[in-house]
Every structure is written in C-alpha cells, then in structure tokens.
C-alpha cells in the first residue's frame, strides 16, 4: 500500500522489513530525508502502517525500545 507523508508517498511493501523494527531510528531518519516530514510524523506513519497492515513488530526491537523507554522514564 501507499501512504502519503510530507511531500512524497511511501510504498509500505518496499520498507516492510523496516516497519517491523518499529521506531528504528535510521529508518525514521530515512523517512524524514525522503519526505521532509518531522520525527513525530515519521513515528505516526510507522504506527499507522503497523496497525493497518498487521505487521508484527520484531521482538528484539520491541524489547530494546521498551528498555530504553523505561530508562528514560527513570531519569
């Protein structure tokens, strides 16, 4: 499927593996560079695609992100 973001459209099939990593920062940067969108818009697109297409998030990515979030909340 195609999703509009910033000044372009993203083909979710082309980036499916990267969407499965959820908030993978190099991918988020790639989305920003391709579209001129903000970090928040990139995050929202990732959440939308994962939800609409039923993409299963990589367990390793999810664990790392949860750990980082917990550490940030402790500070």
PDB file of N, CA and C in Angstrom:
ATOM      1  N   UNK A   1       0.839  -1.187   0.000  1.00  0.00           N
ATOM      2  CA  UNK A   1       0.000   0.000   0.000  1.00  0.00           C
ATOM      3  C   UNK A   1       0.885   1.252   0.000  1.00  0.00           C
ATOM      4  N   UNK A   2       0.285   2.329  -0.435  1.00  0.00           N
ATOM      5  CA  UNK A   2       0.999   3.594  -0.482  1.00  0.00           C
ATOM      6  C   UNK A   2       0.437   4.541   0.569  1.00  0.00           C
ATOM      7  N   UNK A   3       1.347   5.236   1.270  1.00  0.00           N
ATOM      8  CA  UNK A   3       0.966   6.164   2.324  1.00  0.00           C
ATOM      9  C   UNK A   3       1.611   7.519   2.066  1.00  0.00           C
ATOM     10  N   UNK A   4       0.808   8.585   2.069  1.00  0.00           N
ATOM     11  CA  UNK A   4       1.385   9.915   1.892  1.00  0.00           C
ATOM     12  C   UNK A   4       2.072  10.374   3.176  1.00  0.00           C
ATOM     13  N   UNK A   5       3.216  11.010   3.012  1.00  0.00           N
ATOM     14  CA  UNK A   5       3.922  11.612   4.148  1.00  0.00           C
ATOM     15  C   UNK A   5       4.767  12.760   3.610  1.00  0.00           C
ATOM     16  N   UNK A   6       4.666  13.892   4.280  1.00  0.00           N
ATOM     17  CA  UNK A   6       5.411  15.060   3.826  1.00  0.00           C
ATOM     18  C   UNK A   6       5.100  15.356   2.372  1.00  0.00           C
ATOM     19  N   UNK A   7       6.145  15.475   1.561  1.00  0.00           N
ATOM     20  CA  UNK A   7       5.963  15.802   0.147  1.00  0.00           C
ATOM     21  C   UNK A   7       6.128  14.591  -0.777  1.00  0.00           C
ATOM     22  N   UNK A   8       5.888  13.380  -0.239  1.00  0.00           N
ATOM     23  CA  UNK A   8       6.058  12.164  -1.043  1.00  0.00           C
ATOM     24  C   UNK A   8       5.061  11.095  -0.614  1.00  0.00           C
ATOM     25  N   UNK A   9       5.155   9.944  -1.248  1.00  0.00           N
ATOM     26  CA  UNK A   9       4.337   8.779  -0.897  1.00  0.00           C
ATOM     27  C   UNK A   9       5.278   7.602  -0.680  1.00  0.00           C
ATOM     28  N   UNK A  10       5.019   6.834   0.374  1.00  0.00           N
ATOM     29  CA  UNK A  10       5.862   5.697   0.736  1.00  0.00           C
ATOM     30  C   UNK A  10       5.142   4.396   0.403  1.00  0.00           C
ATOM     31  N   UNK A  11       5.832   3.480  -0.262  1.00  0.00           N
ATOM     32  CA  UNK A  11       5.315   2.148  -0.548  1.00  0.00           C
ATOM     33  C   UNK A  11       5.681   1.245   0.628  1.00  0.00           C
ATOM     34  N   UNK A  12       4.672   0.860   1.381  1.00  0.00           N
ATOM     35  CA  UNK A  12       4.935   0.070   2.589  1.00  0.00           C
ATOM     36  C   UNK A  12       5.575  -1.279   2.278  1.00  0.00           C
ATOM     37  N   UNK A  13       5.286  -1.843   1.111  1.00  0.00           N
ATOM     38  CA  UNK A  13       5.888  -3.138   0.748  1.00  0.00           C
ATOM     39  C   UNK A  13       7.400  -3.022   0.596  1.00  0.00           C
ATOM     40  N   UNK A  14       7.857  -1.895   0.076  1.00  0.00           N
ATOM     41  CA  UNK A  14       9.284  -1.683  -0.122  1.00  0.00           C
ATOM     42  C   UNK A  14      10.034  -1.615   1.216  1.00  0.00           C
ATOM     43  N   UNK A  15       9.363  -1.127   2.253  1.00  0.00           N
ATOM     44  CA  UNK A  15      10.004  -0.916   3.553  1.00  0.00           C
ATOM     45  C   UNK A  15       9.450  -1.835   4.648  1.00  0.00           C
ATOM     46  N   UNK A  16       8.764  -2.889   4.249  1.00  0.00           N
ATOM     47  CA  UNK A  16       8.078  -3.749   5.225  1.00  0.00           C
ATOM     48  C   UNK A  16       9.011  -4.241   6.342  1.00  0.00           C
ATOM     49  N   UNK A  17      10.193  -4.671   5.985  1.00  0.00           N
ATOM     50  CA  UNK A  17      11.149  -5.178   6.984  1.00  0.00           C
ATOM     51  C   UNK A  17      11.519  -4.079   7.984  1.00  0.00           C
ATOM     52  N   UNK A  18      11.646  -2.852   7.494  1.00  0.00           N
ATOM     53  CA  UNK A  18      11.998  -1.735   8.379  1.00  0.00           C
ATOM     54  C   UNK A  18      10.821  -1.338   9.260  1.00  0.00           C
ATOM     55  N   UNK A  19       9.594  -1.440   8.738  1.00  0.00           N
ATOM     56  CA  UNK A  19       8.425  -1.147   9.566  1.00  0.00           C
ATOM     57  C   UNK A  19       8.341  -2.136  10.731  1.00  0.00           C
ATOM     58  N   UNK A  20       8.773  -3.359  10.519  1.00  0.00           N
ATOM     59  CA  UNK A  20       8.727  -4.377  11.566  1.00  0.00           C
ATOM     60  C   UNK A  20       9.681  -4.061  12.720  1.00  0.00           C
ATOM     61  N   UNK A  21      10.605  -3.140  12.493  1.00  0.00           N
ATOM     62  CA  UNK A  21      11.531  -2.736  13.563  1.00  0.00           C
ATOM     63  C   UNK A  21      10.962  -1.570  14.379  1.00  0.00           C
ATOM     64  N   UNK A  22       9.766  -1.161  14.050  1.00  0.00           N
ATOM     65  CA  UNK A  22       9.022  -0.082  14.691  1.00  0.00           C
ATOM     66  C   UNK A  22       9.791   1.218  14.686  1.00  0.00           C
ATOM     67  N   UNK A  23      10.276   1.703  15.789  1.00  0.00           N
ATOM     68  CA  UNK A  23      10.888   3.035  15.848  1.00  0.00           C
ATOM     69  C   UNK A  23      12.402   2.975  15.620  1.00  0.00           C
ATOM     70  N   UNK A  24      12.808   2.272  14.593  1.00  0.00           N
ATOM     71  CA  UNK A  24      14.212   2.114  14.220  1.00  0.00           C
ATOM     72  C   UNK A  24      14.713   3.463  13.696  1.00  0.00           C
ATOM     73  N   UNK A  25      15.586   4.106  14.457  1.00  0.00           N
ATOM     74  CA  UNK A  25      15.990   5.479  14.157  1.00  0.00           C
ATOM     75  C   UNK A  25      16.579   5.690  12.758  1.00  0.00           C
ATOM     76  N   UNK A  26      17.435   4.798  12.243  1.00  0.00           N
ATOM     77  CA  UNK A  26      17.909   5.022  10.875  1.00  0.00           C
ATOM     78  C   UNK A  26      16.768   5.049   9.842  1.00  0.00           C
ATOM     79  N   UNK A  27      15.737   4.232  10.052  1.00  0.00           N
ATOM     80  CA  UNK A  27      14.586   4.250   9.148  1.00  0.00           C
ATOM     81  C   UNK A  27      13.793   5.541   9.315  1.00  0.00           C
ATOM     82  N   UNK A  28      13.621   5.977  10.543  1.00  0.00           N
ATOM     83  CA  UNK A  28      12.906   7.228  10.781  1.00  0.00           C
ATOM     84  C   UNK A  28      13.645   8.393  10.109  1.00  0.00           C
ATOM     85  N   UNK A  29      14.962   8.382  10.187  1.00  0.00           N
ATOM     86  CA  UNK A  29      15.770   9.419   9.532  1.00  0.00           C
ATOM     87  C   UNK A  29      15.600   9.333   8.019  1.00  0.00           C
ATOM     88  N   UNK A  30      15.554   8.121   7.502  1.00  0.00           N
ATOM     89  CA  UNK A  30      15.358   7.929   6.066  1.00  0.00           C
ATOM     90  C   UNK A  30      14.003   8.507   5.624  1.00  0.00           C
ATOM     91  N   UNK A  31      12.954   8.260   6.416  1.00  0.00           N
ATOM     92  CA  UNK A  31      11.643   8.818   6.106  1.00  0.00           C
ATOM     93  C   UNK A  31      11.683  10.348   6.109  1.00  0.00           C
ATOM     94  N   UNK A  32      12.372  10.915   7.096  1.00  0.00           N
ATOM     95  CA  UNK A  32      12.497  12.366   7.201  1.00  0.00           C
ATOM     96  C   UNK A  32      13.233  12.919   5.982  1.00  0.00           C
ATOM     97  N   UNK A  33      14.327  12.282   5.611  1.00  0.00           N
ATOM     98  CA  UNK A  33      15.117  12.736   4.459  1.00  0.00           C
ATOM     99  C   UNK A  33      14.338  12.611   3.145  1.00  0.00           C
ATOM    100  N   UNK A  34      13.566  11.534   2.993  1.00  0.00           N
ATOM    101  CA  UNK A  34      12.803  11.319   1.766  1.00  0.00           C
ATOM    102  C   UNK A  34      11.632  12.284   1.609  1.00  0.00           C
ATOM    103  N   UNK A  35      10.994  12.606   2.731  1.00  0.00           N
ATOM    104  CA  UNK A  35       9.721  13.307   2.655  1.00  0.00           C
ATOM    105  C   UNK A  35       9.722  14.732   3.205  1.00  0.00           C
ATOM    106  N   UNK A  36      10.732  15.061   3.998  1.00  0.00           N
ATOM    107  CA  UNK A  36      10.730  16.368   4.638  1.00  0.00           C
ATOM    108  C   UNK A  36       9.784  16.434   5.835  1.00  0.00           C
ATOM    109  N   UNK A  37       9.339  15.281   6.313  1.00  0.00           N
ATOM    110  CA  UNK A  37       8.417  15.238   7.449  1.00  0.00           C
ATOM    111  C   UNK A  37       9.178  15.445   8.761  1.00  0.00           C
ATOM    112  N   UNK A  38       8.426  15.572   9.837  1.00  0.00           N
ATOM    113  CA  UNK A  38       9.022  15.695  11.168  1.00  0.00           C
ATOM    114  C   UNK A  38       9.198  14.297  11.781  1.00  0.00           C
ATOM    115  N   UNK A  39       9.929  14.226  12.875  1.00  0.00           N
ATOM    116  CA  UNK A  39      10.108  12.956  13.593  1.00  0.00           C
ATOM    117  C   UNK A  39       8.753  12.433  14.059  1.00  0.00           C
ATOM    118  N   UNK A  40       7.910  13.340  14.533  1.00  0.00           N
ATOM    119  CA  UNK A  40       6.570  12.942  15.000  1.00  0.00           C
ATOM    120  C   UNK A  40       5.759  12.351  13.847  1.00  0.00           C
ATOM    121  N   UNK A  41       5.821  12.969  12.672  1.00  0.00           N
ATOM    122  CA  UNK A  41       5.089  12.453  11.516  1.00  0.00           C
ATOM    123  C   UNK A  41       5.613  11.085  11.094  1.00  0.00           C
ATOM    124  N   UNK A  42       6.921  10.880  11.158  1.00  0.00           N
ATOM    125  CA  UNK A  42       7.505   9.577  10.827  1.00  0.00           C
ATOM    126  C   UNK A  42       7.008   8.514  11.798  1.00  0.00           C
ATOM    127  N   UNK A  43       6.986   8.843  13.085  1.00  0.00           N
ATOM    128  CA  UNK A  43       6.501   7.911  14.107  1.00  0.00           C
ATOM    129  C   UNK A  43       5.035   7.569  13.873  1.00  0.00           C
ATOM    130  N   UNK A  44       4.227   8.587  13.577  1.00  0.00           N
ATOM    131  CA  UNK A  44       2.808   8.365  13.334  1.00  0.00           C
ATOM    132  C   UNK A  44       2.576   7.489  12.102  1.00  0.00           C
ATOM    133  N   UNK A  45       3.370   7.690  11.059  1.00  0.00           N
ATOM    134  CA  UNK A  45       3.252   6.853   9.864  1.00  0.00           C
ATOM    135  C   UNK A  45       3.599   5.401  10.197  1.00  0.00           C
ATOM    136  N   UNK A  46       4.668   5.209  10.930  1.00  0.00           N
ATOM    137  CA  UNK A  46       5.082   3.849  11.310  1.00  0.00           C
ATOM    138  C   UNK A  46       3.974   3.165  12.099  1.00  0.00           C
ATOM    139  N   UNK A  47       3.405   3.869  13.085  1.00  0.00           N
ATOM    140  CA  UNK A  47       2.305   3.295  13.879  1.00  0.00           C
ATOM    141  C   UNK A  47       1.106   2.950  12.991  1.00  0.00           C
ATOM    142  N   UNK A  48       0.765   3.854  12.057  1.00  0.00           N
ATOM    143  CA  UNK A  48      -0.372   3.644  11.166  1.00  0.00           C
ATOM    144  C   UNK A  48      -0.162   2.412  10.284  1.00  0.00           C
ATOM    145  N   UNK A  49       1.001   2.307   9.664  1.00  0.00           N
ATOM    146  CA  UNK A  49       1.280   1.184   8.766  1.00  0.00           C
ATOM    147  C   UNK A  49       1.277  -0.135   9.539  1.00  0.00           C
ATOM    148  N   UNK A  50       1.913  -0.155  10.689  1.00  0.00           N
ATOM    149  CA  UNK A  50       1.935  -1.379  11.509  1.00  0.00           C
ATOM    150  C   UNK A  50       0.517  -1.803  11.851  1.00  0.00           C
ATOM    151  N   UNK A  51      -0.308  -0.836  12.252  1.00  0.00           N
ATOM    152  CA  UNK A  51      -1.692  -1.129  12.638  1.00  0.00           C
ATOM    153  C   UNK A  51      -2.534  -1.581  11.436  1.00  0.00           C
ATOM    154  N   UNK A  52      -2.517  -0.801  10.354  1.00  0.00           N
ATOM    155  CA  UNK A  52      -3.380  -1.093   9.196  1.00  0.00           C
ATOM    156  C   UNK A  52      -2.987  -2.374   8.473  1.00  0.00           C
ATOM    157  N   UNK A  53      -1.710  -2.689   8.459  1.00  0.00           N
ATOM    158  CA  UNK A  53      -1.257  -3.862   7.712  1.00  0.00           C
ATOM    159  C   UNK A  53      -0.972  -5.068   8.597  1.00  0.00           C
ATOM    160  N   UNK A  54      -1.180  -4.905   9.907  1.00  0.00           N
ATOM    161  CA  UNK A  54      -0.985  -6.022  10.822  1.00  0.00           C
ATOM    162  C   UNK A  54       0.443  -6.536  10.851  1.00  0.00           C
ATOM    163  N   UNK A  55       1.394  -5.618  10.709  1.00  0.00           N
ATOM    164  CA  UNK A  55       2.806  -6.008  10.728  1.00  0.00           C
ATOM    165  C   UNK A  55       3.198  -6.394  12.148  1.00  0.00           C
ATOM    166  N   UNK A  56       3.857  -7.518  12.272  1.00  0.00           N
ATOM    167  CA  UNK A  56       4.321  -7.975  13.584  1.00  0.00           C
ATOM    168  C   UNK A  56       5.675  -7.332  13.850  1.00  0.00           C
ATOM    169  N   UNK A  57       5.755  -6.623  14.981  1.00  0.00           N
ATOM    170  CA  UNK A  57       6.979  -5.923  15.349  1.00  0.00           C
ATOM    171  C   UNK A  57       8.004  -6.928  15.845  1.00  0.00           C
ATOM    172  N   UNK A  58       9.227  -6.759  15.391  1.00  0.00           N
ATOM    173  CA  UNK A  58      10.323  -7.620  15.810  1.00  0.00           C
ATOM    174  C   UNK A  58      10.421  -7.636  17.332  1.00  0.00           C
ATOM    175  N   UNK A  59      10.466  -8.823  17.915  1.00  0.00           N
ATOM    176  CA  UNK A  59      10.541  -8.972  19.373  1.00  0.00           C
ATOM    177  C   UNK A  59      11.775  -8.275  19.941  1.00  0.00           C
ATOM    178  N   UNK A  60      12.895  -8.401  19.269  1.00  0.00           N
ATOM    179  CA  UNK A  60      14.138  -7.773  19.726  1.00  0.00           C
ATOM    180  C   UNK A  60      13.997  -6.261  19.725  1.00  0.00           C
ATOM    181  N   UNK A  61      13.451  -5.710  18.670  1.00  0.00           N
ATOM    182  CA  UNK A  61      13.252  -4.258  18.590  1.00  0.00           C
ATOM    183  C   UNK A  61      12.341  -3.781  19.703  1.00  0.00           C
ATOM    184  N   UNK A  62      11.266  -4.514  19.934  1.00  0.00           N
ATOM    185  CA  UNK A  62      10.312  -4.133  20.966  1.00  0.00           C
ATOM    186  C   UNK A  62      10.974  -4.148  22.349  1.00  0.00           C
ATOM    187  N   UNK A  63      11.770  -5.167  22.642  1.00  0.00           N
ATOM    188  CA  UNK A  63      12.440  -5.263  23.941  1.00  0.00           C
ATOM    189  C   UNK A  63      13.434  -4.118  24.137  1.00  0.00           C
ATOM    190  N   UNK A  64      14.214  -3.817  23.111  1.00  0.00           N
ATOM    191  CA  UNK A  64      15.191  -2.733  23.209  1.00  0.00           C
ATOM    192  C   UNK A  64      14.483  -1.401  23.420  1.00  0.00           C
ATOM    193  N   UNK A  65      13.430  -1.149  22.659  1.00  0.00           N
ATOM    194  CA  UNK A  65      12.703   0.109  22.779  1.00  0.00           C
ATOM    195  C   UNK A  65      12.039   0.231  24.145  1.00  0.00           C
ATOM    196  N   UNK A  66      11.464  -0.850  24.659  1.00  0.00           N
ATOM    197  CA  UNK A  66      10.838  -0.824  25.978  1.00  0.00           C
ATOM    198  C   UNK A  66      11.862  -0.550  27.072  1.00  0.00           C
ATOM    199  N   UNK A  67      13.055  -1.158  26.954  1.00  0.00           N
ATOM    200  CA  UNK A  67      14.121  -0.936  27.931  1.00  0.00           C
ATOM    201  C   UNK A  67      14.581   0.513  27.905  1.00  0.00           C
ATOM    202  N   UNK A  68      14.791   1.057  26.718  1.00  0.00           N
ATOM    203  CA  UNK A  68      15.233   2.449  26.588  1.00  0.00           C
ATOM    204  C   UNK A  68      14.184   3.399  27.152  1.00  0.00           C
ATOM    205  N   UNK A  69      12.924   3.140  26.865  1.00  0.00           N
ATOM    206  CA  UNK A  69      11.847   3.984  27.361  1.00  0.00           C
ATOM    207  C   UNK A  69      11.783   3.947  28.883  1.00  0.00           C
ATOM    208  N   UNK A  70      11.926   2.755  29.465  1.00  0.00           N
ATOM    209  CA  UNK A  70      11.906   2.620  30.914  1.00  0.00           C
ATOM    210  C   UNK A  70      13.073   3.396  31.555  1.00  0.00           C
ATOM    211  N   UNK A  71      14.244   3.329  30.940  1.00  0.00           N
ATOM    212  CA  UNK A  71      15.402   4.052  31.459  1.00  0.00           C
ATOM    213  C   UNK A  71      15.190   5.557  31.368  1.00  0.00           C
ATOM    214  N   UNK A  72      14.589   6.023  30.305  1.00  0.00           N
ATOM    215  CA  UNK A  72      14.316   7.453  30.156  1.00  0.00           C
ATOM    216  C   UNK A  72      13.308   7.925  31.197  1.00  0.00           C
ATOM    217  N   UNK A  73      12.338   7.092  31.502  1.00  0.00           N
ATOM    218  CA  UNK A  73      11.317   7.451  32.485  1.00  0.00           C
ATOM    219  C   UNK A  73      11.890   7.468  33.906  1.00  0.00           C
ATOM    220  N   UNK A  74      12.911   6.658  34.157  1.00  0.00           N
ATOM    221  CA  UNK A  74      13.559   6.618  35.478  1.00  0.00           C
ATOM    222  C   UNK A  74      14.379   7.864  35.750  1.00  0.00           C
ATOM    223  N   UNK A  75      14.901   8.501  34.706  1.00  0.00           N
ATOM    224  CA  UNK A  75      15.757   9.674  34.869  1.00  0.00           C
ATOM    225  C   UNK A  75      15.012  10.898  35.293  1.00  0.00           C
TER     226      UNK A  75
END
